[in-house]
Amino acid sequence: MHIYPEDVAEAILFFVSDRSAKTTGNMLNVDGGVSAAFPR
């Protein structure tokens, strides 16, 4: 699975939107389900 700039942009838009207003200290992985891409 490929990750495109649009995928990252959607994640950023989520964090700057009202939909994330009640979240704190979260990390949203945009990795297409590839567990090896998870930050350590």
Protein backbone atom coordinates (compact mmCIF):
# COMPACT_ATOMS: atom_id res chain seq x y z
CA MET A 1 0.00 0.00 0.00
CA HIS A 2 1.28 3.43 -0.88
CA ILE A 3 0.97 6.52 1.25
CA TYR A 4 0.43 9.72 -0.68
CA PRO A 5 0.75 13.37 0.39
CA GLU A 6 -3.05 13.55 0.34
CA ASP A 7 -3.18 10.86 3.04
CA VAL A 8 -0.90 12.87 5.30
CA ALA A 9 -2.90 16.02 4.56
CA GLU A 10 -6.10 14.30 5.69
CA ALA A 11 -4.47 13.39 9.00
CA ILE A 12 -3.31 16.98 9.50
CA LEU A 13 -6.77 18.30 8.64
CA PHE A 14 -8.25 16.01 11.28
CA PHE A 15 -6.01 17.46 13.99
CA VAL A 16 -6.75 21.07 13.03
CA SER A 17 -10.49 20.49 12.72
CA ASP A 18 -13.18 20.57 15.41
CA ARG A 19 -13.38 16.77 15.19
CA SER A 20 -10.24 16.53 17.30
CA ALA A 21 -11.21 19.26 19.78
CA LYS A 22 -11.45 16.82 22.71
CA THR A 23 -8.23 14.94 22.08
CA THR A 24 -4.85 15.56 23.70
CA GLY A 25 -1.45 14.01 23.26
CA ASN A 26 -2.38 11.76 20.36
CA MET A 27 -0.28 10.33 17.60
CA LEU A 28 -2.02 9.37 14.37
CA ASN A 29 -0.03 6.91 12.27
CA VAL A 30 -0.38 7.31 8.53
CA ASP A 31 1.38 4.11 7.59
CA GLY A 32 -1.14 2.13 5.56
CA GLY A 33 -1.20 -0.59 8.20
CA VAL A 34 2.49 -1.40 7.90
CA SER A 35 3.52 -2.06 11.48
CA ALA A 36 7.23 -1.68 10.63
CA ALA A 37 6.57 2.01 9.97
CA PHE A 38 5.42 2.59 13.58
CA PRO A 39 7.72 5.02 15.41
CA ARG A 40 9.69 3.51 18.26
